[in-house]
Structures are given as structure tokens and as C-alpha cells.
Amino acid sequence: MTQDKQSSEEEQKSMAEYGITHEKKSVYFYRGHKYDKLSDAIRYARDGLDRTPTTVSTSSD
């Protein structure tokens, strides 16, 4: 048994003994940044799109 697995089993036993619970937490990533809330990631993505320079094509006839 590896030490990580053993540690995990010990943690699980301790959690059960003391009635400790946990939840898995979602983390969102956008362009190298980490966000706890999806709404923040979306807001920054939208803000980034608003600031993205647009390419203007000009034709020289």
C-alpha cells in the first residue's frame, strides 16, 4: 500500500469517526486564470471579448 493511499484511508477513518464531511469544489479556468465561480469566469471572458481588437479590412481600389 502506498503512503498516499494509507494517508487517505486514515483521513477517511478520522472523518467518519468525527462526522466530518466534504464536497468536491469546481474550479473554472480561463486563459490561465482560475475562478471559484463560473459567473466570474464568464464575466472575465465576456470582458475579454469586448476588449479584443477587431480587424478592420480596408480595400484599396
Protein backbone atom coordinates (compact mmCIF):
# COMPACT_ATOMS: atom_id res chain seq x y z
CA MET A 1 0.00 0.00 0.00
CA THR A 2 1.37 3.42 -0.92
CA GLN A 3 1.74 6.15 1.67
CA ASP A 4 -0.77 8.38 -0.15
CA LYS A 5 -3.39 5.65 -0.13
CA GLN A 6 -2.66 4.84 3.52
CA SER A 7 -2.91 8.51 4.46
CA SER A 8 -6.17 8.79 2.54
CA GLU A 9 -7.61 5.76 4.33
CA GLU A 10 -6.58 7.23 7.69
CA GLU A 11 -8.19 10.53 6.75
CA GLN A 12 -11.39 8.72 5.74
CA LYS A 13 -11.48 6.87 9.06
CA SER A 14 -10.95 10.09 11.00
CA MET A 15 -13.66 11.85 9.01
CA ALA A 16 -16.09 9.03 9.73
CA GLU A 17 -15.15 8.97 13.41
CA TYR A 18 -15.73 12.71 13.88
CA GLY A 19 -18.61 13.15 11.44
CA ILE A 20 -16.62 15.36 9.10
CA THR A 21 -17.95 15.70 5.55
CA HIS A 22 -16.64 17.36 2.41
CA GLU A 23 -17.73 18.42 -1.03
CA LYS A 24 -15.81 18.47 -4.24
CA LYS A 25 -15.31 22.01 -5.41
CA SER A 26 -15.49 23.05 -9.02
CA VAL A 27 -12.78 25.33 -10.31
CA TYR A 28 -13.04 27.15 -13.61
CA PHE A 29 -10.11 28.17 -15.81
CA TYR A 30 -9.99 30.87 -18.46
CA ARG A 31 -6.79 31.99 -20.18
CA GLY A 32 -4.52 30.84 -17.40
CA HIS A 33 -6.63 32.28 -14.59
CA LYS A 34 -8.52 30.26 -12.01
CA TYR A 35 -12.02 31.14 -10.79
CA ASP A 36 -14.11 29.67 -7.99
CA LYS A 37 -17.35 30.89 -9.53
CA LEU A 38 -18.49 30.14 -13.06
CA SER A 39 -20.12 33.57 -13.23
CA ASP A 40 -16.72 35.22 -12.65
CA ALA A 41 -15.09 33.19 -15.40
CA ILE A 42 -17.89 34.08 -17.81
CA ARG A 43 -17.73 37.76 -16.88
CA TYR A 44 -13.98 37.92 -17.47
CA ALA A 45 -14.32 36.00 -20.73
CA ARG A 46 -17.02 38.40 -21.93
CA ASP A 47 -14.99 41.42 -20.84
CA GLY A 48 -12.02 39.98 -22.70
CA LEU A 49 -14.08 39.56 -25.84
CA ASP A 50 -15.24 43.16 -25.57
CA ARG A 51 -11.63 44.32 -25.43
CA THR A 52 -10.36 42.08 -28.21
CA PRO A 53 -9.25 44.29 -31.07
CA THR A 54 -11.30 43.79 -34.17
CA THR A 55 -9.68 43.56 -37.54
CA VAL A 56 -10.95 46.10 -39.99
CA SER A 57 -10.39 45.24 -43.60
CA THR A 58 -9.92 48.08 -45.98
CA SER A 59 -9.93 47.69 -49.67
CA SER A 60 -7.86 49.95 -51.83
CA ASP A 61 -9.49 50.10 -55.21
